[in-house]
Amino acid sequence: LVQAGGSLRLSCAASGRAFSNYAMGWFRQAPGKEREFVAAISGSG
């Protein structure tokens, strides 16, 4: 929970090998809404 104007950092820990072979994305879903794209990053970063 954060107030408007505030900040947060989300983390995602991945298991498995060859992590750099995966492009990664963040999506979000609000109540009653479809899942939507937020951000993506290539395998190399």
ModelCIF file with pLDDT and N, C-alpha, C, O atoms, coordinates in Angstrom:
data_MODEL
#
_entry.id   MODEL 
#
_entity.id                         1 
_entity.type                       polymer 
_entity.pdbx_number_of_molecules   1 
#
_entity_poly.entity_id                      1 
_entity_poly.type                           'polypeptide(L)' 
_entity_poly.nstd_linkage                   no 
_entity_poly.nstd_monomer                   no 
_entity_poly.pdbx_seq_one_letter_code       LVQAGGSLRLSCAASGRAFSNYAMGWFRQAPGKEREFVAAISGSG 
_entity_poly.pdbx_seq_one_letter_code_can   LVQAGGSLRLSCAASGRAFSNYAMGWFRQAPGKEREFVAAISGSG 
_entity_poly.pdbx_strand_id                 A 
#
loop_
_entity_poly_seq.entity_id 
_entity_poly_seq.num 
_entity_poly_seq.mon_id 
_entity_poly_seq.hetero 
1 1  LEU n 
1 2  VAL n 
1 3  GLN n 
1 4  ALA n 
1 5  GLY n 
1 6  GLY n 
1 7  SER n 
1 8  LEU n 
1 9  ARG n 
1 10 LEU n 
1 11 SER n 
1 12 CYS n 
1 13 ALA n 
1 14 ALA n 
1 15 SER n 
1 16 GLY n 
1 17 ARG n 
1 18 ALA n 
1 19 PHE n 
1 20 SER n 
1 21 ASN n 
1 22 TYR n 
1 23 ALA n 
1 24 MET n 
1 25 GLY n 
1 26 TRP n 
1 27 PHE n 
1 28 ARG n 
1 29 GLN n 
1 30 ALA n 
1 31 PRO n 
1 32 GLY n 
1 33 LYS n 
1 34 GLU n 
1 35 ARG n 
1 36 GLU n 
1 37 PHE n 
1 38 VAL n 
1 39 ALA n 
1 40 ALA n 
1 41 ILE n 
1 42 SER n 
1 43 GLY n 
1 44 SER n 
1 45 GLY n 
#
_struct_asym.id          A 
_struct_asym.entity_id   1 
#
loop_
_ma_qa_metric.id 
_ma_qa_metric.mode 
_ma_qa_metric.name 
_ma_qa_metric.software_group_id 
_ma_qa_metric.type 
1 global pLDDT . pLDDT 
2 local  pLDDT . pLDDT 
#
_ma_qa_metric_global.metric_id      1 
_ma_qa_metric_global.metric_value   95.73 
_ma_qa_metric_global.model_id       1 
_ma_qa_metric_global.ordinal_id     1 
#
loop_
_ma_qa_metric_local.label_asym_id 
_ma_qa_metric_local.label_comp_id 
_ma_qa_metric_local.label_seq_id 
_ma_qa_metric_local.metric_id 
_ma_qa_metric_local.metric_value 
_ma_qa_metric_local.model_id 
_ma_qa_metric_local.ordinal_id 
A LEU 1  2 98.00 1 1  
A VAL 2  2 98.00 1 2  
A GLN 3  2 98.00 1 3  
A ALA 4  2 98.00 1 4  
A GLY 5  2 98.00 1 5  
A GLY 6  2 98.00 1 6  
A SER 7  2 98.00 1 7  
A LEU 8  2 98.00 1 8  
A ARG 9  2 98.00 1 9  
A LEU 10 2 98.00 1 10 
A SER 11 2 98.00 1 11 
A CYS 12 2 98.00 1 12 
A ALA 13 2 98.00 1 13 
A ALA 14 2 97.00 1 14 
A SER 15 2 95.00 1 15 
A GLY 16 2 85.00 1 16 
A ARG 17 2 84.00 1 17 
A ALA 18 2 91.00 1 18 
A PHE 19 2 94.00 1 19 
A SER 20 2 93.00 1 20 
A ASN 21 2 93.00 1 21 
A TYR 22 2 95.00 1 22 
A ALA 23 2 95.00 1 23 
A MET 24 2 96.00 1 24 
A GLY 25 2 97.00 1 25 
A TRP 26 2 98.00 1 26 
A PHE 27 2 98.00 1 27 
A ARG 28 2 98.00 1 28 
A GLN 29 2 98.00 1 29 
A ALA 30 2 96.00 1 30 
A PRO 31 2 92.00 1 31 
A GLY 32 2 94.00 1 32 
A LYS 33 2 96.00 1 33 
A GLU 34 2 96.00 1 34 
A ARG 35 2 97.00 1 35 
A GLU 36 2 97.00 1 36 
A PHE 37 2 98.00 1 37 
A VAL 38 2 98.00 1 38 
A ALA 39 2 98.00 1 39 
A ALA 40 2 97.00 1 40 
A ILE 41 2 96.00 1 41 
A SER 42 2 94.00 1 42 
A GLY 43 2 93.00 1 43 
A SER 44 2 92.00 1 44 
A GLY 45 2 93.00 1 45 
#
loop_
_atom_site.group_PDB 
_atom_site.id 
_atom_site.type_symbol 
_atom_site.label_atom_id 
_atom_site.label_alt_id 
_atom_site.label_comp_id 
_atom_site.label_asym_id 
_atom_site.label_entity_id 
_atom_site.label_seq_id 
_atom_site.pdbx_PDB_ins_code 
_atom_site.Cartn_x 
_atom_site.Cartn_y 
_atom_site.Cartn_z 
_atom_site.occupancy 
_atom_site.B_iso_or_equiv 
_atom_site.pdbx_formal_charge 
_atom_site.auth_seq_id 
_atom_site.auth_comp_id 
_atom_site.auth_asym_id 
_atom_site.auth_atom_id 
_atom_site.pdbx_PDB_model_num 
ATOM 1   N N  . LEU A 1 1  ? 0.843   -1.187  0.000   1.00 98.00 ? 1  LEU A N  1 
ATOM 2   C CA . LEU A 1 1  ? 0.000   0.000   0.000   1.00 98.00 ? 1  LEU A CA 1 
ATOM 3   C C  . LEU A 1 1  ? 0.882   1.243   0.000   1.00 98.00 ? 1  LEU A C  1 
ATOM 4   O O  . LEU A 1 1  ? 1.813   1.355   0.797   1.00 98.00 ? 1  LEU A O  1 
ATOM 5   N N  . VAL A 1 2  ? 0.583   2.165   -0.893  1.00 98.00 ? 2  VAL A N  1 
ATOM 6   C CA . VAL A 1 2  ? 1.355   3.397   -0.991  1.00 98.00 ? 2  VAL A CA 1 
ATOM 7   C C  . VAL A 1 2  ? 0.396   4.545   -1.291  1.00 98.00 ? 2  VAL A C  1 
ATOM 8   O O  . VAL A 1 2  ? -0.642  4.357   -1.925  1.00 98.00 ? 2  VAL A O  1 
ATOM 9   N N  . GLN A 1 3  ? 0.759   5.721   -0.830  1.00 98.00 ? 3  GLN A N  1 
ATOM 10  C CA . GLN A 1 3  ? -0.063  6.891   -1.115  1.00 98.00 ? 3  GLN A CA 1 
ATOM 11  C C  . GLN A 1 3  ? 0.221   7.422   -2.521  1.00 98.00 ? 3  GLN A C  1 
ATOM 12  O O  . GLN A 1 3  ? 1.302   7.210   -3.071  1.00 98.00 ? 3  GLN A O  1 
ATOM 13  N N  . ALA A 1 4  ? -0.747  8.099   -3.079  1.00 98.00 ? 4  ALA A N  1 
ATOM 14  C CA . ALA A 1 4  ? -0.552  8.718   -4.383  1.00 98.00 ? 4  ALA A CA 1 
ATOM 15  C C  . ALA A 1 4  ? 0.678   9.621   -4.347  1.00 98.00 ? 4  ALA A C  1 
ATOM 16  O O  . ALA A 1 4  ? 0.891   10.376  -3.398  1.00 98.00 ? 4  ALA A O  1 
ATOM 17  N N  . GLY A 1 5  ? 1.476   9.524   -5.400  1.00 98.00 ? 5  GLY A N  1 
ATOM 18  C CA . GLY A 1 5  ? 2.724   10.273  -5.449  1.00 98.00 ? 5  GLY A CA 1 
ATOM 19  C C  . GLY A 1 5  ? 3.906   9.512   -4.895  1.00 98.00 ? 5  GLY A C  1 
ATOM 20  O O  . GLY A 1 5  ? 5.052   9.934   -5.058  1.00 98.00 ? 5  GLY A O  1 
ATOM 21  N N  . GLY A 1 6  ? 3.641   8.397   -4.244  1.00 98.00 ? 6  GLY A N  1 
ATOM 22  C CA . GLY A 1 6  ? 4.703   7.597   -3.652  1.00 98.00 ? 6  GLY A CA 1 
ATOM 23  C C  . GLY A 1 6  ? 5.352   6.661   -4.642  1.00 98.00 ? 6  GLY A C  1 
ATOM 24  O O  . GLY A 1 6  ? 5.086   6.723   -5.843  1.00 98.00 ? 6  GLY A O  1 
ATOM 25  N N  . SER A 1 7  ? 6.210   5.785   -4.130  1.00 98.00 ? 7  SER A N  1 
ATOM 26  C CA . SER A 1 7  ? 6.952   4.889   -4.990  1.00 98.00 ? 7  SER A CA 1 
ATOM 27  C C  . SER A 1 7  ? 7.044   3.494   -4.382  1.00 98.00 ? 7  SER A C  1 
ATOM 28  O O  . SER A 1 7  ? 6.931   3.313   -3.170  1.00 98.00 ? 7  SER A O  1 
ATOM 29  N N  . LEU A 1 8  ? 7.252   2.523   -5.252  1.00 98.00 ? 8  LEU A N  1 
ATOM 30  C CA . LEU A 1 8  ? 7.476   1.129   -4.873  1.00 98.00 ? 8  LEU A CA 1 
ATOM 31  C C  . LEU A 1 8  ? 8.435   0.506   -5.866  1.00 98.00 ? 8  LEU A C  1 
ATOM 32  O O  . LEU A 1 8  ? 8.559   0.971   -7.000  1.00 98.00 ? 8  LEU A O  1 
ATOM 33  N N  . ARG A 1 9  ? 9.111   -0.545  -5.438  1.00 98.00 ? 9  ARG A N  1 
ATOM 34  C CA . ARG A 1 9  ? 9.898   -1.336  -6.364  1.00 98.00 ? 9  ARG A CA 1 
ATOM 35  C C  . ARG A 1 9  ? 9.456   -2.787  -6.255  1.00 98.00 ? 9  ARG A C  1 
ATOM 36  O O  . ARG A 1 9  ? 9.533   -3.399  -5.189  1.00 98.00 ? 9  ARG A O  1 
ATOM 37  N N  . LEU A 1 10 ? 9.000   -3.316  -7.362  1.00 98.00 ? 10 LEU A N  1 
ATOM 38  C CA . LEU A 1 10 ? 8.640   -4.732  -7.433  1.00 98.00 ? 10 LEU A CA 1 
ATOM 39  C C  . LEU A 1 10 ? 9.841   -5.531  -7.896  1.00 98.00 ? 10 LEU A C  1 
ATOM 40  O O  . LEU A 1 10 ? 10.647  -5.073  -8.706  1.00 98.00 ? 10 LEU A O  1 
ATOM 41  N N  . SER A 1 11 ? 9.939   -6.731  -7.364  1.00 98.00 ? 11 SER A N  1 
ATOM 42  C CA . SER A 1 11 ? 11.004  -7.650  -7.762  1.00 98.00 ? 11 SER A CA 1 
ATOM 43  C C  . SER A 1 11 ? 10.384  -8.944  -8.264  1.00 98.00 ? 11 SER A C  1 
ATOM 44  O O  . SER A 1 11 ? 9.302   -9.341  -7.833  1.00 98.00 ? 11 SER A O  1 
ATOM 45  N N  . CYS A 1 12 ? 11.082  -9.587  -9.175  1.00 98.00 ? 12 CYS A N  1 
ATOM 46  C CA . CYS A 1 12 ? 10.651  -10.870 -9.708  1.00 98.00 ? 12 CYS A CA 1 
ATOM 47  C C  . CYS A 1 12 ? 11.878  -11.777 -9.753  1.00 98.00 ? 12 CYS A C  1 
ATOM 48  O O  . CYS A 1 12 ? 12.839  -11.505 -10.473 1.00 98.00 ? 12 CYS A O  1 
ATOM 49  N N  . ALA A 1 13 ? 11.833  -12.844 -8.982  1.00 98.00 ? 13 ALA A N  1 
ATOM 50  C CA . ALA A 1 13 ? 12.916  -13.808 -8.949  1.00 98.00 ? 13 ALA A CA 1 
ATOM 51  C C  . ALA A 1 13 ? 12.580  -14.974 -9.867  1.00 98.00 ? 13 ALA A C  1 
ATOM 52  O O  . ALA A 1 13 ? 11.500  -15.559 -9.776  1.00 98.00 ? 13 ALA A O  1 
ATOM 53  N N  . ALA A 1 14 ? 13.512  -15.305 -10.748 1.00 97.00 ? 14 ALA A N  1 
ATOM 54  C CA . ALA A 1 14 ? 13.292  -16.377 -11.719 1.00 97.00 ? 14 ALA A CA 1 
ATOM 55  C C  . ALA A 1 14 ? 14.197  -17.560 -11.427 1.00 97.00 ? 14 ALA A C  1 
ATOM 56  O O  . ALA A 1 14 ? 15.380  -17.389 -11.131 1.00 97.00 ? 14 ALA A O  1 
ATOM 57  N N  . SER A 1 15 ? 13.642  -18.747 -11.509 1.00 95.00 ? 15 SER A N  1 
ATOM 58  C CA . SER A 1 15 ? 14.451  -19.955 -11.384 1.00 95.00 ? 15 SER A CA 1 
ATOM 59  C C  . SER A 1 15 ? 14.780  -20.466 -12.772 1.00 95.00 ? 15 SER A C  1 
ATOM 60  O O  . SER A 1 15 ? 14.204  -20.001 -13.756 1.00 95.00 ? 15 SER A O  1 
ATOM 61  N N  . GLY A 1 16 ? 15.685  -21.404 -12.864 1.00 85.00 ? 16 GLY A N  1 
ATOM 62  C CA . GLY A 1 16 ? 16.022  -21.991 -14.149 1.00 85.00 ? 16 GLY A CA 1 
ATOM 63  C C  . GLY A 1 16 ? 17.295  -21.406 -14.733 1.00 85.00 ? 16 GLY A C  1 
ATOM 64  O O  . GLY A 1 16 ? 17.871  -20.454 -14.208 1.00 85.00 ? 16 GLY A O  1 
ATOM 65  N N  . ARG A 1 17 ? 17.715  -22.007 -15.835 1.00 84.00 ? 17 ARG A N  1 
ATOM 66  C CA . ARG A 1 17 ? 18.959  -21.608 -16.467 1.00 84.00 ? 17 ARG A CA 1 
ATOM 67  C C  . ARG A 1 17 ? 18.708  -20.711 -17.671 1.00 84.00 ? 17 ARG A C  1 
ATOM 68  O O  . ARG A 1 17 ? 17.576  -20.562 -18.130 1.00 84.00 ? 17 ARG A O  1 
ATOM 69  N N  . ALA A 1 18 ? 19.784  -20.121 -18.171 1.00 91.00 ? 18 ALA A N  1 
ATOM 70  C CA . ALA A 1 18 ? 19.726  -19.296 -19.382 1.00 91.00 ? 18 ALA A CA 1 
ATOM 71  C C  . ALA A 1 18 ? 18.677  -18.199 -19.273 1.00 91.00 ? 18 ALA A C  1 
ATOM 72  O O  . ALA A 1 18 ? 17.872  -18.001 -20.183 1.00 91.00 ? 18 ALA A O  1 
ATOM 73  N N  . PHE A 1 19 ? 18.695  -17.510 -18.182 1.00 94.00 ? 19 PHE A N  1 
ATOM 74  C CA . PHE A 1 19 ? 17.705  -16.452 -17.944 1.00 94.00 ? 19 PHE A CA 1 
ATOM 75  C C  . PHE A 1 19 ? 17.749  -15.387 -19.039 1.00 94.00 ? 19 PHE A C  1 
ATOM 76  O O  . PHE A 1 19 ? 16.721  -14.804 -19.382 1.00 94.00 ? 19 PHE A O  1 
ATOM 77  N N  . SER A 1 20 ? 18.925  -15.139 -19.578 1.00 93.00 ? 20 SER A N  1 
ATOM 78  C CA . SER A 1 20 ? 19.062  -14.098 -20.607 1.00 93.00 ? 20 SER A CA 1 
ATOM 79  C C  . SER A 1 20 ? 18.380  -14.474 -21.917 1.00 93.00 ? 20 SER A C  1 
ATOM 80  O O  . SER A 1 20 ? 18.251  -13.633 -22.807 1.00 93.00 ? 20 SER A O  1 
ATOM 81  N N  . ASN A 1 21 ? 17.940  -15.727 -22.048 1.00 93.00 ? 21 ASN A N  1 
ATOM 82  C CA . ASN A 1 21 ? 17.193  -16.144 -23.242 1.00 93.00 ? 21 ASN A CA 1 
ATOM 83  C C  . ASN A 1 21 ? 15.719  -15.744 -23.176 1.00 93.00 ? 21 ASN A C  1 
ATOM 84  O O  . ASN A 1 21 ? 14.955  -15.983 -24.112 1.00 93.00 ? 21 ASN A O  1 
ATOM 85  N N  . TYR A 1 22 ? 15.340  -15.140 -22.069 1.00 95.00 ? 22 TYR A N  1 
ATOM 86  C CA . TYR A 1 22 ? 13.940  -14.768 -21.874 1.00 95.00 ? 22 TYR A CA 1 
ATOM 87  C C  . TYR A 1 22 ? 13.787  -13.262 -21.855 1.00 95.00 ? 22 TYR A C  1 
ATOM 88  O O  . TYR A 1 22 ? 14.432  -12.574 -21.064 1.00 95.00 ? 22 TYR A O  1 
ATOM 89  N N  . ALA A 1 23 ? 12.933  -12.751 -22.727 1.00 95.00 ? 23 ALA A N  1 
ATOM 90  C CA . ALA A 1 23 ? 12.452  -11.392 -22.547 1.00 95.00 ? 23 ALA A CA 1 
ATOM 91  C C  . ALA A 1 23 ? 11.480  -11.428 -21.364 1.00 95.00 ? 23 ALA A C  1 
ATOM 92  O O  . ALA A 1 23 ? 10.769  -12.412 -21.164 1.00 95.00 ? 23 ALA A O  1 
ATOM 93  N N  . MET A 1 24 ? 11.459  -10.361 -20.600 1.00 96.00 ? 24 MET A N  1 
ATOM 94  C CA . MET A 1 24 ? 10.619  -10.321 -19.405 1.00 96.00 ? 24 MET A CA 1 
ATOM 95  C C  . MET A 1 24 ? 9.634   -9.174  -19.486 1.00 96.00 ? 24 MET A C  1 
ATOM 96  O O  . MET A 1 24 ? 9.935   -8.112  -20.031 1.00 96.00 ? 24 MET A O  1 
ATOM 97  N N  . GLY A 1 25 ? 8.472   -9.399  -18.944 1.00 97.00 ? 25 GLY A N  1 
ATOM 98  C CA . GLY A 1 25 ? 7.452   -8.359  -18.953 1.00 97.00 ? 25 GLY A CA 1 
ATOM 99  C C  . GLY A 1 25 ? 6.760   -8.246  -17.610 1.00 97.00 ? 25 GLY A C  1 
ATOM 100 O O  . GLY A 1 25 ? 6.734   -9.181  -16.810 1.00 97.00 ? 25 GLY A O  1 
ATOM 101 N N  . TRP A 1 26 ? 6.202   -7.072  -17.392 1.00 98.00 ? 26 TRP A N  1 
ATOM 102 C CA . TRP A 1 26 ? 5.315   -6.841  -16.263 1.00 98.00 ? 26 TRP A CA 1 
ATOM 103 C C  . TRP A 1 26 ? 3.932   -6.506  -16.827 1.00 98.00 ? 26 TRP A C  1 
ATOM 104 O O  . TRP A 1 26 ? 3.788   -5.699  -17.745 1.00 98.00 ? 26 TRP A O  1 
ATOM 105 N N  . PHE A 1 27 ? 2.940   -7.146  -16.253 1.00 98.00 ? 27 PHE A N  1 
ATOM 106 C CA . PHE A 1 27 ? 1.550   -6.876  -16.590 1.00 98.00 ? 27 PHE A CA 1 
ATOM 107 C C  . PHE A 1 27 ? 0.809   -6.571  -15.295 1.00 98.00 ? 27 PHE A C  1 
ATOM 108 O O  . PHE A 1 27 ? 1.310   -6.839  -14.203 1.00 98.00 ? 27 PHE A O  1 
ATOM 109 N N  . ARG A 1 28 ? -0.381  -6.013  -15.427 1.00 98.00 ? 28 ARG A N  1 
ATOM 110 C CA . ARG A 1 28 ? -1.197  -5.759  -14.238 1.00 98.00 ? 28 ARG A CA 1 
ATOM 111 C C  . ARG A 1 28 ? -2.655  -5.992  -14.571 1.00 98.00 ? 28 ARG A C  1 
ATOM 112 O O  . ARG A 1 28 ? -3.085  -5.889  -15.720 1.00 98.00 ? 28 ARG A O  1 
ATOM 113 N N  . GLN A 1 29 ? -3.406  -6.311  -13.518 1.00 98.00 ? 29 GLN A N  1 
ATOM 114 C CA . GLN A 1 29 ? -4.837  -6.542  -13.676 1.00 98.00 ? 29 GLN A CA 1 
ATOM 115 C C  . GLN A 1 29 ? -5.583  -5.945  -12.508 1.00 98.00 ? 29 GLN A C  1 
ATOM 116 O O  . GLN A 1 29 ? -5.400  -6.349  -11.359 1.00 98.00 ? 29 GLN A O  1 
ATOM 117 N N  . ALA A 1 30 ? -6.424  -4.981  -12.814 1.00 96.00 ? 30 ALA A N  1 
ATOM 118 C CA . ALA A 1 30 ? -7.269  -4.349  -11.812 1.00 96.00 ? 30 ALA A CA 1 
ATOM 119 C C  . ALA A 1 30 ? -8.595  -5.100  -11.733 1.00 96.00 ? 30 ALA A C  1 
ATOM 120 O O  . ALA A 1 30 ? -8.975  -5.777  -12.688 1.00 96.00 ? 30 ALA A O  1 
ATOM 121 N N  . PRO A 1 31 ? -9.305  -4.991  -10.609 1.00 92.00 ? 31 PRO A N  1 
ATOM 122 C CA . PRO A 1 31 ? -10.584 -5.687  -10.462 1.00 92.00 ? 31 PRO A CA 1 
ATOM 123 C C  . PRO A 1 31 ? -11.558 -5.327  -11.573 1.00 92.00 ? 31 PRO A C  1 
ATOM 124 O O  . PRO A 1 31 ? -11.791 -4.151  -11.854 1.00 92.00 ? 31 PRO A O  1 
ATOM 125 N N  . GLY A 1 32 ? -12.121 -6.346  -12.198 1.00 94.00 ? 32 GLY A N  1 
ATOM 126 C CA . GLY A 1 32 ? -13.089 -6.122  -13.254 1.00 94.00 ? 32 GLY A CA 1 
ATOM 127 C C  . GLY A 1 32 ? -12.518 -5.733  -14.595 1.00 94.00 ? 32 GLY A C  1 
ATOM 128 O O  . GLY A 1 32 ? -13.261 -5.451  -15.534 1.00 94.00 ? 32 GLY A O  1 
ATOM 129 N N  . LYS A 1 33 ? -11.200 -5.716  -14.692 1.00 96.00 ? 33 LYS A N  1 
ATOM 130 C CA . LYS A 1 33 ? -10.565 -5.315  -15.952 1.00 96.00 ? 33 LYS A CA 1 
ATOM 131 C C  . LYS A 1 33 ? -9.677  -6.442  -16.483 1.00 96.00 ? 33 LYS A C  1 
ATOM 132 O O  . LYS A 1 33 ? -9.304  -7.361  -15.754 1.00 96.00 ? 33 LYS A O  1 
ATOM 133 N N  . GLU A 1 34 ? -9.357  -6.344  -17.754 1.00 96.00 ? 34 GLU A N  1 
ATOM 134 C CA . GLU A 1 34 ? -8.470  -7.321  -18.369 1.00 96.00 ? 34 GLU A CA 1 
ATOM 135 C C  . GLU A 1 34 ? -7.024  -7.047  -17.965 1.00 96.00 ? 34 GLU A C  1 
ATOM 136 O O  . GLU A 1 34 ? -6.659  -5.933  -17.590 1.00 96.00 ? 34 GLU A O  1 
ATOM 137 N N  . ARG A 1 35 ? -6.230  -8.082  -18.053 1.00 97.00 ? 35 ARG A N  1 
ATOM 138 C CA . ARG A 1 35 ? -4.803  -7.930  -17.788 1.00 97.00 ? 35 ARG A CA 1 
ATOM 139 C C  . ARG A 1 35 ? -4.203  -7.035  -18.854 1.00 97.00 ? 35 ARG A C  1 
ATOM 140 O O  . ARG A 1 35 ? -4.488  -7.209  -20.039 1.00 97.00 ? 35 ARG A O  1 
ATOM 141 N N  . GLU A 1 36 ? -3.368  -6.071  -18.451 1.00 97.00 ? 36 GLU A N  1 
ATOM 142 C CA . GLU A 1 36 ? -2.788  -5.133  -19.402 1.00 97.00 ? 36 GLU A CA 1 
ATOM 143 C C  . GLU A 1 36 ? -1.274  -5.081  -19.273 1.00 97.00 ? 36 GLU A C  1 
ATOM 144 O O  . GLU A 1 36 ? -0.700  -5.281  -18.203 1.00 97.00 ? 36 GLU A O  1 
ATOM 145 N N  . PHE A 1 37 ? -0.665  -4.806  -20.402 1.00 98.00 ? 37 PHE A N  1 
ATOM 146 C CA . PHE A 1 37 ? 0.777   -4.685  -20.477 1.00 98.00 ? 37 PHE A CA 1 
ATOM 147 C C  . PHE A 1 37 ? 1.248   -3.438  -19.740 1.00 98.00 ? 37 PHE A C  1 
ATOM 148 O O  . PHE A 1 37 ? 0.614   -2.386  -19.808 1.00 98.00 ? 37 PHE A O  1 
ATOM 149 N N  . VAL A 1 38 ? 2.377   -3.571  -19.032 1.00 98.00 ? 38 VAL A N  1 
ATOM 150 C CA . VAL A 1 38 ? 2.972   -2.437  -18.334 1.00 98.00 ? 38 VAL A CA 1 
ATOM 151 C C  . VAL A 1 38 ? 4.348   -2.105  -18.919 1.00 98.00 ? 38 VAL A C  1 
ATOM 152 O O  . VAL A 1 38 ? 4.589   -0.973  -19.339 1.00 98.00 ? 38 VAL A O  1 
ATOM 153 N N  . ALA A 1 39 ? 5.243   -3.087  -18.946 1.00 98.00 ? 39 ALA A N  1 
ATOM 154 C CA . ALA A 1 39 ? 6.608   -2.840  -19.407 1.00 98.00 ? 39 ALA A CA 1 
ATOM 155 C C  . ALA A 1 39 ? 7.253   -4.158  -19.809 1.00 98.00 ? 39 ALA A C  1 
ATOM 156 O O  . ALA A 1 39 ? 6.854   -5.226  -19.345 1.00 98.00 ? 39 ALA A O  1 
ATOM 157 N N  . ALA A 1 40 ? 8.252   -4.068  -20.678 1.00 97.00 ? 40 ALA A N  1 
ATOM 158 C CA . ALA A 1 40 ? 9.000   -5.249  -21.101 1.00 97.00 ? 40 ALA A CA 1 
ATOM 159 C C  . ALA A 1 40 ? 10.463  -4.887  -21.262 1.00 97.00 ? 40 ALA A C  1 
ATOM 160 O O  . ALA A 1 40 ? 10.824  -3.730  -21.478 1.00 97.00 ? 40 ALA A O  1 
ATOM 161 N N  . ILE A 1 41 ? 11.295  -5.915  -21.152 1.00 96.00 ? 41 ILE A N  1 
ATOM 162 C CA . ILE A 1 41 ? 12.736  -5.719  -21.304 1.00 96.00 ? 41 ILE A CA 1 
ATOM 163 C C  . ILE A 1 41 ? 13.299  -6.910  -22.064 1.00 96.00 ? 41 ILE A C  1 
ATOM 164 O O  . ILE A 1 41 ? 12.893  -8.048  -21.829 1.00 96.00 ? 41 ILE A O  1 
ATOM 165 N N  . SER A 1 42 ? 14.222  -6.656  -22.961 1.00 94.00 ? 42 SER A N  1 
ATOM 166 C CA . SER A 1 42 ? 14.810  -7.724  -23.751 1.00 94.00 ? 42 SER A CA 1 
ATOM 167 C C  . SER A 1 42 ? 15.713  -8.595  -22.879 1.00 94.00 ? 42 SER A C  1 
ATOM 168 O O  . SER A 1 42 ? 16.051  -8.235  -21.752 1.00 94.00 ? 42 SER A O  1 
ATOM 169 N N  . GLY A 1 43 ? 16.091  -9.740  -23.424 1.00 93.00 ? 43 GLY A N  1 
ATOM 170 C CA . GLY A 1 43 ? 16.907  -10.689 -22.669 1.00 93.00 ? 43 GLY A CA 1 
ATOM 171 C C  . GLY A 1 43 ? 18.239  -10.103 -22.209 1.00 93.00 ? 43 GLY A C  1 
ATOM 172 O O  . GLY A 1 43 ? 18.720  -10.422 -21.122 1.00 93.00 ? 43 GLY A O  1 
ATOM 173 N N  . SER A 1 44 ? 18.820  -9.267  -23.020 1.00 92.00 ? 44 SER A N  1 
ATOM 174 C CA . SER A 1 44 ? 20.103  -8.653  -22.669 1.00 92.00 ? 44 SER A CA 1 
ATOM 175 C C  . SER A 1 44 ? 19.938  -7.483  -21.717 1.00 92.00 ? 44 SER A C  1 
ATOM 176 O O  . SER A 1 44 ? 20.883  -7.070  -21.046 1.00 92.00 ? 44 SER A O  1 
ATOM 177 N N  . GLY A 1 45 ? 18.719  -6.955  -21.669 1.00 93.00 ? 45 GLY A N  1 
ATOM 178 C CA . GLY A 1 45 ? 18.472  -5.772  -20.852 1.00 93.00 ? 45 GLY A CA 1 
ATOM 179 C C  . GLY A 1 45 ? 18.722  -4.464  -21.565 1.00 93.00 ? 45 GLY A C  1 
ATOM 180 O O  . GLY A 1 45 ? 18.547  -3.397  -20.977 1.00 93.00 ? 45 GLY A O  1 
#
